[in-house]
Amino acid sequence: MAAVCLIAVGVTGCSSITSLFNGDDPPAPGNVMVQQPTTPDYRIGPLDTIQIFVWQSPEFSVTVPVRPDGRISTPLIEDLEATGKTPTQLARAIEQKLKVYVQDPLVTVIVSGFAGPFDQQVRVVGEAAQPRAIPYRANMTMLDVMIEVGGLTEFASGNRAVLARGGSATTDKTTFNVRLDDLLRDGDIRANVPVLPGDVIIIPQSWF
């Protein structure tokens, strides 16, 4: 129990710890409505990888990661905010910076590795083989997430895992019990619940 609470504090806050064991299951797939984005433009997120092409200036054309703080560094540009911008918006911002060094720079930005903004990720913490943040994909399920993180460790208590959803600075997340052992070891497809952008999956250690 203590191990679960310690992990959960960092995700849901102290006020919501008691809700981790409310016994609820996530909504059935047919009852889950995923709000579609109002714009098709992709917005760059931390840990994305971007390719920057400067026309007729190959020495300034680079591939760089977006740092966890949301910024990038390129030749001649020490720090530039990238998170939240579309590739086109970032290209225009780079052009403005390069004007000091290059006459009429023409920049193209391509996102070659996608992590996405934090609110478009599914995060897995605890006893997963490779706990990490995963870019959300349409119609993603718990099995998709488990494949991405390599399943459970030998110490995991999969049927005591918790899915935390929603919440804000003023409201707690809603939490659900998820049955990962039933899904992965017994093949119970009823445990293959849908996941949504921003979900956090907390996998505790077993008590033995």
C-alpha atoms as a PDB file:
ATOM      1  CA  MET A   1       0.000   0.000   0.000  1.00  0.00           C
ATOM      2  CA  ALA A   2       2.770   2.454   0.934  1.00  0.00           C
ATOM      3  CA  ALA A   3       4.508   1.916  -2.389  1.00  0.00           C
ATOM      4  CA  VAL A   4       1.365   2.817  -4.310  1.00  0.00           C
ATOM      5  CA  CYS A   5       0.755   5.935  -2.251  1.00  0.00           C
ATOM      6  CA  LEU A   6       4.317   7.178  -2.726  1.00  0.00           C
ATOM      7  CA  ILE A   7       4.014   6.895  -6.489  1.00  0.00           C
ATOM      8  CA  ALA A   8       0.556   8.383  -6.550  1.00  0.00           C
ATOM      9  CA  VAL A   9       1.499  11.494  -4.591  1.00  0.00           C
ATOM     10  CA  GLY A  10       3.574  12.763  -7.496  1.00  0.00           C
ATOM     11  CA  VAL A  11       0.720  12.224  -9.925  1.00  0.00           C
ATOM     12  CA  THR A  12      -2.543  13.057  -8.215  1.00  0.00           C
ATOM     13  CA  GLY A  13      -1.669  15.060  -5.114  1.00  0.00           C
ATOM     14  CA  CYS A  14      -2.244  14.176  -1.458  1.00  0.00           C
ATOM     15  CA  SER A  15      -5.922  15.158  -1.495  1.00  0.00           C
ATOM     16  CA  SER A  16      -6.790  12.503  -4.043  1.00  0.00           C
ATOM     17  CA  ILE A  17      -4.915   9.497  -2.634  1.00  0.00           C
ATOM     18  CA  THR A  18      -8.034   7.979  -1.089  1.00  0.00           C
ATOM     19  CA  SER A  19      -9.737   7.926  -4.480  1.00  0.00           C
ATOM     20  CA  LEU A  20      -7.154   5.485  -5.814  1.00  0.00           C
ATOM     21  CA  PHE A  21      -9.069   2.615  -4.286  1.00  0.00           C
ATOM     22  CA  ASN A  22     -12.638   3.543  -5.186  1.00  0.00           C
ATOM     23  CA  GLY A  23     -13.179   0.189  -6.917  1.00  0.00           C
ATOM     24  CA  ASP A  24     -14.461   1.715 -10.152  1.00  0.00           C
ATOM     25  CA  ASP A  25     -13.556   0.383 -13.572  1.00  0.00           C
ATOM     26  CA  PRO A  26     -12.829   2.680 -16.532  1.00  0.00           C
ATOM     27  CA  PRO A  27     -15.785   3.335 -18.844  1.00  0.00           C
ATOM     28  CA  ALA A  28     -16.460   0.651 -21.435  1.00  0.00           C
ATOM     29  CA  PRO A  29     -15.012   1.370 -24.904  1.00  0.00           C
ATOM     30  CA  GLY A  30     -18.397   2.219 -26.361  1.00  0.00           C
ATOM     31  CA  ASN A  31     -18.995   4.850 -23.687  1.00  0.00           C
ATOM     32  CA  VAL A  32     -15.747   6.738 -24.147  1.00  0.00           C
ATOM     33  CA  MET A  33     -15.876   9.887 -26.234  1.00  0.00           C
ATOM     34  CA  VAL A  34     -12.524  11.313 -27.295  1.00  0.00           C
ATOM     35  CA  GLN A  35     -12.725  14.992 -28.099  1.00  0.00           C
ATOM     36  CA  GLN A  36     -11.203  15.583 -31.503  1.00  0.00           C
ATOM     37  CA  PRO A  37      -8.878  18.553 -31.892  1.00  0.00           C
ATOM     38  CA  THR A  38     -10.367  21.625 -33.510  1.00  0.00           C
ATOM     39  CA  THR A  39      -7.325  22.107 -35.728  1.00  0.00           C
ATOM     40  CA  PRO A  40      -5.256  19.609 -37.690  1.00  0.00           C
ATOM     41  CA  ASP A  41      -2.042  21.538 -37.057  1.00  0.00           C
ATOM     42  CA  TYR A  42       0.408  19.546 -34.938  1.00  0.00           C
ATOM     43  CA  ARG A  43       1.969  21.459 -32.077  1.00  0.00           C
ATOM     44  CA  ILE A  44       5.490  20.616 -31.022  1.00  0.00           C
ATOM     45  CA  GLY A  45       6.013  19.104 -27.591  1.00  0.00           C
ATOM     46  CA  PRO A  46       8.948  18.349 -25.277  1.00  0.00           C
ATOM     47  CA  LEU A  47      11.168  15.458 -26.434  1.00  0.00           C
ATOM     48  CA  ASP A  48      10.027  15.760 -30.059  1.00  0.00           C
ATOM     49  CA  THR A  49      12.819  15.565 -32.643  1.00  0.00           C
ATOM     50  CA  ILE A  50      12.774  18.255 -35.305  1.00  0.00           C
ATOM     51  CA  GLN A  51      14.679  18.745 -38.544  1.00  0.00           C
ATOM     52  CA  ILE A  52      15.532  22.330 -39.449  1.00  0.00           C
ATOM     53  CA  PHE A  53      16.403  23.099 -43.070  1.00  0.00           C
ATOM     54  CA  VAL A  54      17.829  26.513 -43.983  1.00  0.00           C
ATOM     55  CA  TRP A  55      17.726  27.033 -47.742  1.00  0.00           C
ATOM     56  CA  GLN A  56      21.183  27.529 -49.282  1.00  0.00           C
ATOM     57  CA  SER A  57      22.755  27.444 -45.800  1.00  0.00           C
ATOM     58  CA  PRO A  58      23.435  23.771 -45.046  1.00  0.00           C
ATOM     59  CA  GLU A  59      25.766  24.713 -42.217  1.00  0.00           C
ATOM     60  CA  PHE A  60      22.700  25.876 -40.283  1.00  0.00           C
ATOM     61  CA  SER A  61      20.518  22.877 -41.176  1.00  0.00           C
ATOM     62  CA  VAL A  62      20.367  20.506 -38.198  1.00  0.00           C
ATOM     63  CA  THR A  63      18.304  17.863 -36.452  1.00  0.00           C
ATOM     64  CA  VAL A  64      17.730  18.661 -32.775  1.00  0.00           C
ATOM     65  CA  PRO A  65      15.636  17.359 -29.872  1.00  0.00           C
ATOM     66  CA  VAL A  66      13.198  19.558 -28.017  1.00  0.00           C
ATOM     67  CA  ARG A  67      14.484  19.693 -24.456  1.00  0.00           C
ATOM     68  CA  PRO A  68      12.220  18.893 -21.482  1.00  0.00           C
ATOM     69  CA  ASP A  69      12.004  22.647 -20.838  1.00  0.00           C
ATOM     70  CA  GLY A  70      10.448  23.069 -24.296  1.00  0.00           C
ATOM     71  CA  ARG A  71      13.399  24.857 -25.893  1.00  0.00           C
ATOM     72  CA  ILE A  72      15.829  24.036 -28.688  1.00  0.00           C
ATOM     73  CA  SER A  73      19.389  25.092 -29.433  1.00  0.00           C
ATOM     74  CA  THR A  74      20.807  25.411 -32.955  1.00  0.00           C
ATOM     75  CA  PRO A  75      23.895  26.948 -34.537  1.00  0.00           C
ATOM     76  CA  LEU A  76      23.755  30.706 -33.808  1.00  0.00           C
ATOM     77  CA  ILE A  77      20.577  30.323 -31.732  1.00  0.00           C
ATOM     78  CA  GLU A  78      21.307  29.428 -28.125  1.00  0.00           C
ATOM     79  CA  ASP A  79      17.746  29.015 -26.834  1.00  0.00           C
ATOM     80  CA  LEU A  80      14.410  29.223 -28.600  1.00  0.00           C
ATOM     81  CA  GLU A  81      10.986  28.216 -27.307  1.00  0.00           C
ATOM     82  CA  ALA A  82       9.545  25.418 -29.460  1.00  0.00           C
ATOM     83  CA  THR A  83       6.806  23.799 -27.381  1.00  0.00           C
ATOM     84  CA  GLY A  84       3.293  24.808 -28.374  1.00  0.00           C
ATOM     85  CA  LYS A  85       4.295  26.085 -31.813  1.00  0.00           C
ATOM     86  CA  THR A  86       3.357  24.499 -35.111  1.00  0.00           C
ATOM     87  CA  PRO A  87       6.302  23.591 -37.377  1.00  0.00           C
ATOM     88  CA  THR A  88       5.478  26.614 -39.536  1.00  0.00           C
ATOM     89  CA  GLN A  89       5.405  28.961 -36.550  1.00  0.00           C
ATOM     90  CA  LEU A  90       8.741  27.637 -35.340  1.00  0.00           C
ATOM     91  CA  ALA A  91      10.228  28.059 -38.822  1.00  0.00           C
ATOM     92  CA  ARG A  92       9.176  31.720 -38.861  1.00  0.00           C
ATOM     93  CA  ALA A  93      10.648  32.248 -35.378  1.00  0.00           C
ATOM     94  CA  ILE A  94      13.964  30.725 -36.492  1.00  0.00           C
ATOM     95  CA  GLU A  95      13.981  32.975 -39.564  1.00  0.00           C
ATOM     96  CA  GLN A  96      13.647  36.026 -37.333  1.00  0.00           C
ATOM     97  CA  LYS A  97      16.640  34.909 -35.262  1.00  0.00           C
ATOM     98  CA  LEU A  98      18.769  34.085 -38.317  1.00  0.00           C
ATOM     99  CA  LYS A  99      18.174  37.438 -40.011  1.00  0.00           C
ATOM    100  CA  VAL A 100      21.050  38.828 -37.984  1.00  0.00           C
ATOM    101  CA  TYR A 101      23.434  36.390 -39.709  1.00  0.00           C
ATOM    102  CA  VAL A 102      21.784  35.317 -42.976  1.00  0.00           C
ATOM    103  CA  GLN A 103      20.194  37.515 -45.626  1.00  0.00           C
ATOM    104  CA  ASP A 104      16.520  36.622 -46.151  1.00  0.00           C
ATOM    105  CA  PRO A 105      16.697  33.170 -44.545  1.00  0.00           C
ATOM    106  CA  LEU A 106      14.120  30.612 -45.671  1.00  0.00           C
ATOM    107  CA  VAL A 107      13.526  27.903 -43.061  1.00  0.00           C
ATOM    108  CA  THR A 108      11.510  24.690 -43.115  1.00  0.00           C
ATOM    109  CA  VAL A 109      10.826  22.657 -39.959  1.00  0.00           C
ATOM    110  CA  ILE A 110       9.821  18.984 -40.042  1.00  0.00           C
ATOM    111  CA  VAL A 111       8.918  16.959 -36.948  1.00  0.00           C
ATOM    112  CA  SER A 112      10.657  13.602 -37.410  1.00  0.00           C
ATOM    113  CA  GLY A 113      10.156  12.133 -33.933  1.00  0.00           C
ATOM    114  CA  PHE A 114       6.889  12.618 -32.102  1.00  0.00           C
ATOM    115  CA  ALA A 115       6.393  12.764 -28.350  1.00  0.00           C
ATOM    116  CA  GLY A 116       3.676  15.414 -28.361  1.00  0.00           C
ATOM    117  CA  PRO A 117       2.557  17.902 -25.708  1.00  0.00           C
ATOM    118  CA  PHE A 118       2.119  16.463 -22.212  1.00  0.00           C
ATOM    119  CA  ASP A 119      -1.670  16.616 -22.470  1.00  0.00           C
ATOM    120  CA  GLN A 120      -1.473  14.393 -25.569  1.00  0.00           C
ATOM    121  CA  GLN A 121       0.636  11.705 -23.882  1.00  0.00           C
ATOM    122  CA  VAL A 122      -0.187   8.602 -21.875  1.00  0.00           C
ATOM    123  CA  ARG A 123       2.251   8.202 -18.983  1.00  0.00           C
ATOM    124  CA  VAL A 124       3.124   4.915 -17.291  1.00  0.00           C
ATOM    125  CA  VAL A 125       4.869   4.928 -13.895  1.00  0.00           C
ATOM    126  CA  GLY A 126       5.861   2.192 -11.477  1.00  0.00           C
ATOM    127  CA  GLU A 127       6.455  -1.469 -12.272  1.00  0.00           C
ATOM    128  CA  ALA A 128       6.396  -1.407 -16.066  1.00  0.00           C
ATOM    129  CA  ALA A 129       9.393  -2.872 -17.867  1.00  0.00           C
ATOM    130  CA  GLN A 130      10.071   0.514 -19.492  1.00  0.00           C
ATOM    131  CA  PRO A 131       8.001   3.183 -17.678  1.00  0.00           C
ATOM    132  CA  ARG A 132       7.735   6.307 -19.802  1.00  0.00           C
ATOM    133  CA  ALA A 133       5.466   8.769 -21.608  1.00  0.00           C
ATOM    134  CA  ILE A 134       3.868   7.558 -24.853  1.00  0.00           C
ATOM    135  CA  PRO A 135       2.350   9.748 -27.578  1.00  0.00           C
ATOM    136  CA  TYR A 136      -1.404   9.167 -27.679  1.00  0.00           C
ATOM    137  CA  ARG A 137      -2.859   7.595 -30.822  1.00  0.00           C
ATOM    138  CA  ALA A 138      -6.511   7.476 -31.812  1.00  0.00           C
ATOM    139  CA  ASN A 139      -8.374   4.475 -30.361  1.00  0.00           C
ATOM    140  CA  MET A 140      -5.445   3.504 -28.138  1.00  0.00           C
ATOM    141  CA  THR A 141      -6.173   0.779 -25.574  1.00  0.00           C
ATOM    142  CA  MET A 142      -4.484  -0.522 -22.454  1.00  0.00           C
ATOM    143  CA  LEU A 143      -2.950  -3.392 -24.432  1.00  0.00           C
ATOM    144  CA  ASP A 144      -1.374  -0.893 -26.850  1.00  0.00           C
ATOM    145  CA  VAL A 145       0.154   0.921 -23.881  1.00  0.00           C
ATOM    146  CA  MET A 146       1.493  -2.280 -22.325  1.00  0.00           C
ATOM    147  CA  ILE A 147       3.130  -3.281 -25.606  1.00  0.00           C
ATOM    148  CA  GLU A 148       4.824   0.133 -25.799  1.00  0.00           C
ATOM    149  CA  VAL A 149       6.299  -0.186 -22.287  1.00  0.00           C
ATOM    150  CA  GLY A 150       7.303  -3.841 -22.636  1.00  0.00           C
ATOM    151  CA  GLY A 151       4.755  -5.268 -20.199  1.00  0.00           C
ATOM    152  CA  LEU A 152       5.167  -5.629 -16.444  1.00  0.00           C
ATOM    153  CA  THR A 153       8.164  -6.385 -14.259  1.00  0.00           C
ATOM    154  CA  GLU A 154       8.266  -9.572 -12.192  1.00  0.00           C
ATOM    155  CA  PHE A 155       7.526  -7.455  -9.116  1.00  0.00           C
ATOM    156  CA  ALA A 156       4.381  -5.802 -10.493  1.00  0.00           C
ATOM    157  CA  SER A 157       0.965  -6.205  -8.949  1.00  0.00           C
ATOM    158  CA  GLY A 158      -0.888  -5.738 -12.211  1.00  0.00           C
ATOM    159  CA  ASN A 159      -4.427  -6.146 -10.912  1.00  0.00           C
ATOM    160  CA  ARG A 160      -3.842  -3.355  -8.386  1.00  0.00           C
ATOM    161  CA  ALA A 161      -2.852  -0.868 -11.080  1.00  0.00           C
ATOM    162  CA  VAL A 162      -4.673   2.443 -11.262  1.00  0.00           C
ATOM    163  CA  LEU A 163      -5.587   4.693 -14.186  1.00  0.00           C
ATOM    164  CA  ALA A 164      -5.761   8.409 -13.277  1.00  0.00           C
ATOM    165  CA  ARG A 165      -7.685  10.630 -15.672  1.00  0.00           C
ATOM    166  CA  GLY A 166      -8.504  14.314 -16.017  1.00  0.00           C
ATOM    167  CA  GLY A 167      -8.054  16.760 -13.184  1.00  0.00           C
ATOM    168  CA  SER A 168      -6.627  20.261 -13.064  1.00  0.00           C
ATOM    169  CA  ALA A 169      -4.905  22.651 -10.702  1.00  0.00           C
ATOM    170  CA  THR A 170      -8.122  22.879  -8.673  1.00  0.00           C
ATOM    171  CA  THR A 171      -9.696  19.435  -9.126  1.00  0.00           C
ATOM    172  CA  ASP A 172      -8.461  15.923  -8.451  1.00  0.00           C
ATOM    173  CA  LYS A 173      -8.040  13.275 -11.092  1.00  0.00           C
ATOM    174  CA  THR A 174     -10.704  10.599 -11.466  1.00  0.00           C
ATOM    175  CA  THR A 175      -9.176   7.196 -10.794  1.00  0.00           C
ATOM    176  CA  PHE A 176     -10.106   3.680 -11.902  1.00  0.00           C
ATOM    177  CA  ASN A 177      -8.846   0.213 -11.100  1.00  0.00           C
ATOM    178  CA  VAL A 178      -7.295  -1.612 -14.076  1.00  0.00           C
ATOM    179  CA  ARG A 179      -6.625  -5.368 -14.262  1.00  0.00           C
ATOM    180  CA  LEU A 180      -3.312  -5.716 -16.048  1.00  0.00           C
ATOM    181  CA  ASP A 181      -2.605  -9.266 -14.857  1.00  0.00           C
ATOM    182  CA  ASP A 182      -5.971 -10.414 -16.194  1.00  0.00           C
ATOM    183  CA  LEU A 183      -5.244  -8.720 -19.510  1.00  0.00           C
ATOM    184  CA  LEU A 184      -1.638  -9.801 -20.036  1.00  0.00           C
ATOM    185  CA  ARG A 185      -1.492 -13.202 -18.343  1.00  0.00           C
ATOM    186  CA  ASP A 186      -5.044 -14.491 -18.768  1.00  0.00           C
ATOM    187  CA  GLY A 187      -5.936 -12.790 -22.047  1.00  0.00           C
ATOM    188  CA  ASP A 188      -9.118 -11.261 -20.608  1.00  0.00           C
ATOM    189  CA  ILE A 189     -10.084  -8.754 -23.304  1.00  0.00           C
ATOM    190  CA  ARG A 190     -12.620  -7.161 -20.948  1.00  0.00           C
ATOM    191  CA  ALA A 191      -9.601  -5.664 -19.191  1.00  0.00           C
ATOM    192  CA  ASN A 192      -8.427  -4.049 -22.438  1.00  0.00           C
ATOM    193  CA  VAL A 193      -9.967  -0.687 -21.601  1.00  0.00           C
ATOM    194  CA  PRO A 194      -9.549   2.430 -23.745  1.00  0.00           C
ATOM    195  CA  VAL A 195      -7.088   5.119 -22.746  1.00  0.00           C
ATOM    196  CA  LEU A 196      -7.333   8.837 -23.409  1.00  0.00           C
ATOM    197  CA  PRO A 197      -4.809  11.666 -23.858  1.00  0.00           C
ATOM    198  CA  GLY A 198      -3.401  12.751 -20.512  1.00  0.00           C
ATOM    199  CA  ASP A 199      -4.075   9.432 -18.746  1.00  0.00           C
ATOM    200  CA  VAL A 200      -1.566   8.266 -16.133  1.00  0.00           C
ATOM    201  CA  ILE A 201      -1.234   4.538 -15.376  1.00  0.00           C
ATOM    202  CA  ILE A 202       0.248   3.707 -11.960  1.00  0.00           C
ATOM    203  CA  ILE A 203       1.544   0.147 -11.481  1.00  0.00           C
ATOM    204  CA  PRO A 204       2.445  -0.754  -7.870  1.00  0.00           C
ATOM    205  CA  GLN A 205       4.760  -3.435  -6.534  1.00  0.00           C
ATOM    206  CA  SER A 206       3.305  -6.639  -5.188  1.00  0.00           C
ATOM    207  CA  TRP A 207       3.248  -7.000  -1.406  1.00  0.00           C
ATOM    208  CA  PHE A 208       5.366 -10.145  -1.134  1.00  0.00           C
END
